[in-house]
Amino acid sequence: MRPKISWICHFLRREYVALEIGLNPVIWGVIFILGDAIGFITPPYGLNLYIISGLTDIDYMVVAYRVLPYLGGLLALLFVLLAVPEVNVLA
């Protein structure tokens, strides 16, 4: 039970820091989810890549190569949200 409590406290503390710097909580949530999505499709962790590779019997490196356009789109969106605050409708 203790690890869950420490994770939730860490999560809330980061939201508090986001509020302190003037970031809208909804935009912070979008940035957090984008970071998770990028983490799940990038090697070496790439949990989603391992799952797809195992389910379809396609080599892991082929799956990793074919996910690069999606990774580029996610990184571009993350960059725009962080670098251009005028784009954030809720900010």
C-alpha atoms as a PDB file:
ATOM      1  CA  MET A   1       0.000   0.000   0.000  1.00  0.00           C
ATOM      2  CA  ARG A   2       2.822   2.409   0.715  1.00  0.00           C
ATOM      3  CA  PRO A   3       4.221   2.595  -2.860  1.00  0.00           C
ATOM      4  CA  LYS A   4       0.833   3.723  -4.200  1.00  0.00           C
ATOM      5  CA  ILE A   5       0.608   6.455  -1.598  1.00  0.00           C
ATOM      6  CA  SER A   6       4.095   7.730  -2.390  1.00  0.00           C
ATOM      7  CA  TRP A   7       3.299   7.728  -6.123  1.00  0.00           C
ATOM      8  CA  ILE A   8       0.098   9.709  -5.588  1.00  0.00           C
ATOM      9  CA  CYS A   9       1.907  12.222  -3.372  1.00  0.00           C
ATOM     10  CA  HIS A  10       4.614  12.598  -6.023  1.00  0.00           C
ATOM     11  CA  PHE A  11       1.924  13.082  -8.692  1.00  0.00           C
ATOM     12  CA  LEU A  12       0.147  15.776  -6.682  1.00  0.00           C
ATOM     13  CA  ARG A  13       3.394  17.538  -5.879  1.00  0.00           C
ATOM     14  CA  ARG A  14       4.225  17.821  -9.587  1.00  0.00           C
ATOM     15  CA  GLU A  15       0.805  19.298 -10.282  1.00  0.00           C
ATOM     16  CA  TYR A  16       1.423  21.833  -7.535  1.00  0.00           C
ATOM     17  CA  VAL A  17       4.711  22.810  -9.175  1.00  0.00           C
ATOM     18  CA  ALA A  18       2.912  23.149 -12.519  1.00  0.00           C
ATOM     19  CA  LEU A  19       0.386  25.483 -10.908  1.00  0.00           C
ATOM     20  CA  GLU A  20       3.185  27.508  -9.321  1.00  0.00           C
ATOM     21  CA  ILE A  21       4.740  28.252 -12.715  1.00  0.00           C
ATOM     22  CA  GLY A  22       1.354  29.230 -14.140  1.00  0.00           C
ATOM     23  CA  LEU A  23       0.591  26.110 -16.179  1.00  0.00           C
ATOM     24  CA  ASN A  24      -3.057  25.149 -16.519  1.00  0.00           C
ATOM     25  CA  PRO A  25      -3.780  21.759 -14.885  1.00  0.00           C
ATOM     26  CA  VAL A  26      -5.501  20.468 -18.035  1.00  0.00           C
ATOM     27  CA  ILE A  27      -2.536  21.372 -20.237  1.00  0.00           C
ATOM     28  CA  TRP A  28      -0.226  19.838 -17.638  1.00  0.00           C
ATOM     29  CA  GLY A  29      -2.288  16.643 -17.870  1.00  0.00           C
ATOM     30  CA  VAL A  30      -2.038  16.648 -21.670  1.00  0.00           C
ATOM     31  CA  ILE A  31       1.742  17.121 -21.482  1.00  0.00           C
ATOM     32  CA  PHE A  32       1.969  14.321 -18.897  1.00  0.00           C
ATOM     33  CA  ILE A  33      -0.009  11.914 -21.110  1.00  0.00           C
ATOM     34  CA  LEU A  34       2.032  12.859 -24.181  1.00  0.00           C
ATOM     35  CA  GLY A  35       5.194  12.089 -22.215  1.00  0.00           C
ATOM     36  CA  ASP A  36       3.773   8.713 -21.250  1.00  0.00           C
ATOM     37  CA  ALA A  37       2.800   7.951 -24.852  1.00  0.00           C
ATOM     38  CA  ILE A  38       6.298   8.823 -26.038  1.00  0.00           C
ATOM     39  CA  GLY A  39       7.807   6.648 -23.318  1.00  0.00           C
ATOM     40  CA  PHE A  40       5.662   3.654 -24.236  1.00  0.00           C
ATOM     41  CA  ILE A  41       6.715   3.678 -27.890  1.00  0.00           C
ATOM     42  CA  THR A  42      10.427   4.445 -27.588  1.00  0.00           C
ATOM     43  CA  PRO A  43      13.060   1.756 -27.207  1.00  0.00           C
ATOM     44  CA  PRO A  44      14.607   0.386 -25.026  1.00  0.00           C
ATOM     45  CA  TYR A  45      11.552   0.374 -22.756  1.00  0.00           C
ATOM     46  CA  GLY A  46       8.838   0.517 -25.416  1.00  0.00           C
ATOM     47  CA  LEU A  47       6.304  -1.690 -23.651  1.00  0.00           C
ATOM     48  CA  ASN A  48       3.738  -1.214 -26.416  1.00  0.00           C
ATOM     49  CA  LEU A  49       6.340  -2.243 -28.986  1.00  0.00           C
ATOM     50  CA  TYR A  50       7.069  -5.487 -27.128  1.00  0.00           C
ATOM     51  CA  ILE A  51       3.364  -6.280 -26.905  1.00  0.00           C
ATOM     52  CA  ILE A  52       2.708  -5.607 -30.603  1.00  0.00           C
ATOM     53  CA  SER A  53       5.805  -7.557 -31.581  1.00  0.00           C
ATOM     54  CA  GLY A  54       4.697 -10.533 -29.511  1.00  0.00           C
ATOM     55  CA  LEU A  55       1.095 -10.504 -30.716  1.00  0.00           C
ATOM     56  CA  THR A  56       1.898 -10.178 -34.410  1.00  0.00           C
ATOM     57  CA  ASP A  57       5.198 -12.128 -34.588  1.00  0.00           C
ATOM     58  CA  ILE A  58       6.867  -9.147 -36.255  1.00  0.00           C
ATOM     59  CA  ASP A  59      10.467  -8.444 -35.278  1.00  0.00           C
ATOM     60  CA  TYR A  60      10.812  -5.825 -32.528  1.00  0.00           C
ATOM     61  CA  MET A  61      13.151  -3.615 -34.574  1.00  0.00           C
ATOM     62  CA  VAL A  62      10.706  -3.579 -37.516  1.00  0.00           C
ATOM     63  CA  VAL A  63       7.932  -2.414 -35.199  1.00  0.00           C
ATOM     64  CA  ALA A  64      10.266   0.179 -33.655  1.00  0.00           C
ATOM     65  CA  TYR A  65      11.194   1.494 -37.104  1.00  0.00           C
ATOM     66  CA  ARG A  66       7.569   1.744 -38.248  1.00  0.00           C
ATOM     67  CA  VAL A  67       6.534   3.730 -35.174  1.00  0.00           C
ATOM     68  CA  LEU A  68       8.972   6.566 -35.975  1.00  0.00           C
ATOM     69  CA  PRO A  69       6.427   8.757 -37.842  1.00  0.00           C
ATOM     70  CA  TYR A  70       4.076   8.591 -34.855  1.00  0.00           C
ATOM     71  CA  LEU A  71       6.932   9.391 -32.522  1.00  0.00           C
ATOM     72  CA  GLY A  72       7.810  12.412 -34.629  1.00  0.00           C
ATOM     73  CA  GLY A  73       4.230  13.659 -34.463  1.00  0.00           C
ATOM     74  CA  LEU A  74       4.056  13.234 -30.702  1.00  0.00           C
ATOM     75  CA  LEU A  75       7.374  15.011 -30.206  1.00  0.00           C
ATOM     76  CA  ALA A  76       6.287  17.877 -32.465  1.00  0.00           C
ATOM     77  CA  LEU A  77       3.027  18.270 -30.552  1.00  0.00           C
ATOM     78  CA  LEU A  78       4.858  18.189 -27.228  1.00  0.00           C
ATOM     79  CA  PHE A  79       7.317  20.812 -28.477  1.00  0.00           C
ATOM     80  CA  VAL A  80       4.495  23.086 -29.665  1.00  0.00           C
ATOM     81  CA  LEU A  81       2.645  22.809 -26.359  1.00  0.00           C
ATOM     82  CA  LEU A  82       5.777  23.637 -24.388  1.00  0.00           C
ATOM     83  CA  ALA A  83       7.346  26.257 -26.645  1.00  0.00           C
ATOM     84  CA  VAL A  84       4.298  28.214 -27.839  1.00  0.00           C
ATOM     85  CA  PRO A  85       2.036  29.047 -24.898  1.00  0.00           C
ATOM     86  CA  GLU A  86      -0.370  30.942 -27.186  1.00  0.00           C
ATOM     87  CA  VAL A  87      -1.451  27.605 -28.661  1.00  0.00           C
ATOM     88  CA  ASN A  88      -2.778  26.482 -25.282  1.00  0.00           C
ATOM     89  CA  VAL A  89      -6.416  27.512 -25.430  1.00  0.00           C
ATOM     90  CA  LEU A  90      -6.879  26.975 -21.712  1.00  0.00           C
ATOM     91  CA  ALA A  91      -3.787  28.897 -20.592  1.00  0.00           C
END
